[in-house]
Amino acid sequence: MWALITDLPLLPTPPIDFGAYKFCKTCGICADSCPFGLIQQGDPTWENPASAKSGIQQGTFEGWRTNTADCPHCPTCQG
């Protein structure tokens, strides 16, 4: 973990919306091609679709949302 400690006066800045969320929501290629149906489509939720759609046990790899490189199933969403 990295940290920077300063006493400089810093102004808060709002998040930058560069269109990634909108692009992914309308594209859906990786979600359509995922053989396990683990990549959700539509509005985001906190539910893990692994247990409902694929028959894969809940908790097998819940980090696929943040680290797709470690997903053991296939490289579909990698490229």
Protein backbone atom coordinates (compact mmCIF):
# COMPACT_ATOMS: atom_id res chain seq x y z
CA MET A 1 0.00 0.00 0.00
CA TRP A 2 1.25 3.45 -0.82
CA ALA A 3 0.55 6.64 1.08
CA LEU A 4 1.51 10.26 0.85
CA ILE A 5 1.43 12.49 3.88
CA THR A 6 1.41 16.21 3.27
CA ASP A 7 0.31 19.45 4.84
CA LEU A 8 -0.24 21.13 1.48
CA PRO A 9 -3.73 22.52 0.98
CA LEU A 10 -5.39 20.20 -1.54
CA LEU A 11 -8.76 20.79 -3.13
CA PRO A 12 -11.09 17.81 -3.43
CA THR A 13 -11.87 16.87 -7.01
CA PRO A 14 -14.91 15.00 -8.26
CA PRO A 15 -14.48 11.62 -9.97
CA ILE A 16 -13.77 11.74 -13.69
CA ASP A 17 -16.36 10.03 -15.86
CA PHE A 18 -14.52 8.96 -18.99
CA GLY A 19 -17.27 6.65 -20.25
CA ALA A 20 -15.92 3.23 -19.25
CA TYR A 21 -19.04 2.23 -17.30
CA LYS A 22 -21.37 3.30 -20.09
CA PHE A 23 -19.25 1.52 -22.71
CA CYS A 24 -19.16 -1.74 -20.78
CA LYS A 25 -22.89 -1.59 -20.06
CA THR A 26 -23.77 -1.20 -23.74
CA CYS A 27 -21.06 -3.48 -25.19
CA GLY A 28 -21.53 -6.72 -23.26
CA ILE A 29 -19.26 -8.86 -25.47
CA CYS A 30 -17.43 -10.42 -22.54
CA ALA A 31 -20.69 -11.10 -20.67
CA ASP A 32 -22.25 -12.71 -23.75
CA SER A 33 -19.24 -14.92 -24.39
CA CYS A 34 -18.62 -16.06 -20.79
CA PRO A 35 -19.40 -19.81 -20.84
CA PHE A 36 -20.26 -19.80 -17.14
CA GLY A 37 -22.48 -16.70 -17.19
CA LEU A 38 -20.48 -15.14 -14.37
CA ILE A 39 -20.23 -11.65 -15.83
CA GLN A 40 -23.41 -9.77 -15.05
CA GLN A 41 -25.28 -7.69 -17.58
CA GLY A 42 -27.43 -4.66 -16.95
CA ASP A 43 -27.30 -2.59 -13.81
CA PRO A 44 -24.61 -3.54 -11.29
CA THR A 45 -25.55 -5.38 -8.11
CA TRP A 46 -23.68 -6.75 -5.12
CA GLU A 47 -24.97 -10.26 -5.78
CA ASN A 48 -22.52 -12.91 -6.95
CA PRO A 49 -24.09 -14.58 -10.01
CA ALA A 50 -21.81 -17.62 -9.67
CA SER A 51 -24.11 -19.65 -7.45
CA ALA A 52 -27.33 -18.94 -9.33
CA LYS A 53 -26.28 -19.20 -12.98
CA SER A 54 -23.42 -21.63 -13.26
CA GLY A 55 -23.79 -24.18 -10.53
CA ILE A 56 -20.34 -23.20 -9.33
CA GLN A 57 -20.13 -23.18 -5.56
CA GLN A 58 -20.45 -19.81 -3.91
CA GLY A 59 -17.03 -18.66 -2.81
CA THR A 60 -14.97 -20.55 -5.39
CA PHE A 61 -13.60 -17.37 -6.91
CA GLU A 62 -15.41 -14.26 -5.80
CA GLY A 63 -12.55 -12.01 -6.88
CA TRP A 64 -13.28 -12.34 -10.60
CA ARG A 65 -14.88 -8.89 -10.53
CA THR A 66 -11.68 -7.19 -9.49
CA ASN A 67 -8.99 -9.58 -10.72
CA THR A 68 -10.03 -11.39 -13.87
CA ALA A 69 -6.45 -12.57 -14.42
CA ASP A 70 -6.91 -15.10 -11.62
CA CYS A 71 -10.24 -16.47 -12.86
CA PRO A 72 -9.56 -20.19 -13.31
CA HIS A 73 -12.29 -20.83 -15.84
CA CYS A 74 -11.22 -19.37 -19.17
CA PRO A 75 -9.60 -16.30 -20.77
CA THR A 76 -12.79 -15.08 -22.49
CA CYS A 77 -13.07 -11.79 -20.63
CA GLN A 78 -9.35 -11.13 -20.97
CA GLY A 79 -9.46 -9.77 -24.44
